[in-house]
Amino acid sequence: MRKFIILAAATLAGLPSVALADVAAAETASAFVPRVGQLVYSSDGKRIGNIDRVDAARVSIIADMKMVYVARSTLSAGDKGRAISSLKAAEIRK
């Protein structure tokens, strides 16, 4: 019985490190994860607006009191927690 408890404890102790490794691998696979409320800027440096909703393929942004949609693949991490789109402001607001 004592061997079982030690084996079970050793097994459970190893689980968090495996789970953390999986999370780290997932974060490296997708370089940038947009989040609700994050500011979005265009490639030409103009402020677009805040992310309102994050879907699998796109994010919705409130820009000039309208809802605009941008593909997640066009977003990357910027400084100060901002998201930078590879699109210009005119392309996003179309």
Protein backbone atom coordinates (compact mmCIF):
# COMPACT_ATOMS: atom_id res chain seq x y z
CA MET A 1 0.00 0.00 0.00
CA ARG A 2 2.82 2.38 0.85
CA LYS A 3 4.48 1.80 -2.55
CA PHE A 4 1.18 2.66 -4.25
CA ILE A 5 0.89 5.96 -2.37
CA ILE A 6 4.49 6.91 -3.20
CA LEU A 7 3.96 5.96 -6.85
CA ALA A 8 0.70 7.92 -7.01
CA ALA A 9 2.34 10.98 -5.42
CA ALA A 10 5.26 10.80 -7.85
CA THR A 11 2.86 10.51 -10.78
CA LEU A 12 0.75 13.47 -9.64
CA ALA A 13 3.84 15.57 -9.01
CA GLY A 14 4.89 15.06 -12.63
CA LEU A 15 1.55 16.14 -14.13
CA PRO A 16 1.82 19.91 -13.63
CA SER A 17 5.17 20.07 -15.41
CA VAL A 18 3.73 18.16 -18.39
CA ALA A 19 0.69 20.45 -18.46
CA LEU A 20 2.89 23.55 -18.31
CA ALA A 21 5.03 22.21 -21.15
CA ASP A 22 1.90 21.73 -23.27
CA VAL A 23 0.76 25.29 -22.54
CA ALA A 24 4.19 26.68 -23.42
CA ALA A 25 4.23 24.71 -26.68
CA ALA A 26 0.77 26.01 -27.57
CA GLU A 27 1.82 29.60 -26.89
CA THR A 28 4.87 29.29 -29.13
CA ALA A 29 2.82 27.70 -31.89
CA SER A 30 0.53 30.72 -32.03
CA ALA A 31 2.75 33.73 -31.63
CA PHE A 32 0.05 36.22 -30.67
CA VAL A 33 -3.23 35.75 -28.83
CA PRO A 34 -5.55 38.79 -29.03
CA ARG A 35 -7.76 39.54 -26.04
CA VAL A 36 -10.93 41.54 -25.45
CA GLY A 37 -10.28 45.20 -24.64
CA GLN A 38 -6.86 45.29 -26.28
CA LEU A 39 -6.04 48.36 -28.40
CA VAL A 40 -5.46 47.77 -32.10
CA TYR A 41 -3.26 49.96 -34.29
CA SER A 42 -2.88 49.84 -38.06
CA SER A 43 0.42 49.30 -39.87
CA ASP A 44 0.58 53.02 -40.58
CA GLY A 45 0.40 53.81 -36.84
CA LYS A 46 -3.21 54.94 -36.56
CA ARG A 47 -5.36 53.90 -33.61
CA ILE A 48 -8.22 51.72 -34.82
CA GLY A 49 -10.05 50.81 -31.61
CA ASN A 50 -10.52 48.17 -28.94
CA ILE A 51 -11.12 44.47 -29.54
CA ASP A 52 -14.72 43.63 -28.67
CA ARG A 53 -14.83 39.91 -29.53
CA VAL A 54 -12.28 37.25 -30.44
CA ASP A 55 -13.35 34.40 -32.73
CA ALA A 56 -11.33 31.54 -34.18
CA ALA A 57 -10.55 33.33 -37.46
CA ARG A 58 -11.18 37.01 -36.77
CA VAL A 59 -11.58 39.71 -34.15
CA SER A 60 -14.28 42.36 -34.04
CA ILE A 61 -13.16 45.88 -33.23
CA ILE A 62 -15.22 48.92 -32.32
CA ALA A 63 -13.85 51.64 -34.60
CA ASP A 64 -15.51 55.04 -35.10
CA MET A 65 -18.71 53.73 -33.46
CA LYS A 66 -18.89 50.89 -36.01
CA MET A 67 -18.00 47.23 -35.81
CA VAL A 68 -15.16 46.20 -38.11
CA TYR A 69 -13.72 42.73 -38.54
CA VAL A 70 -10.04 41.89 -38.92
CA ALA A 71 -8.51 38.48 -39.56
CA ARG A 72 -6.52 37.22 -36.57
CA SER A 73 -3.68 36.31 -38.91
CA THR A 74 -3.09 40.02 -39.61
CA LEU A 75 -2.48 40.85 -35.93
CA SER A 76 0.79 40.76 -34.05
CA ALA A 77 2.02 41.92 -30.66
CA GLY A 78 3.04 45.53 -30.26
CA ASP A 79 4.53 47.44 -27.37
CA LYS A 80 2.57 48.26 -24.19
CA GLY A 81 0.16 45.37 -24.75
CA ARG A 82 -1.16 46.71 -28.03
CA ALA A 83 -2.06 44.73 -31.13
CA ILE A 84 -0.66 45.82 -34.49
CA SER A 85 -2.45 44.92 -37.72
CA SER A 86 -0.54 44.42 -40.95
CA LEU A 87 -3.38 46.29 -42.70
CA LYS A 88 -3.53 50.07 -43.15
CA ALA A 89 -6.26 52.09 -41.47
CA ALA A 90 -8.12 52.72 -44.74
CA GLU A 91 -8.19 48.95 -45.48
CA ILE A 92 -9.57 48.14 -42.03
CA ARG A 93 -12.28 50.80 -42.09
CA LYS A 94 -13.60 49.81 -45.56
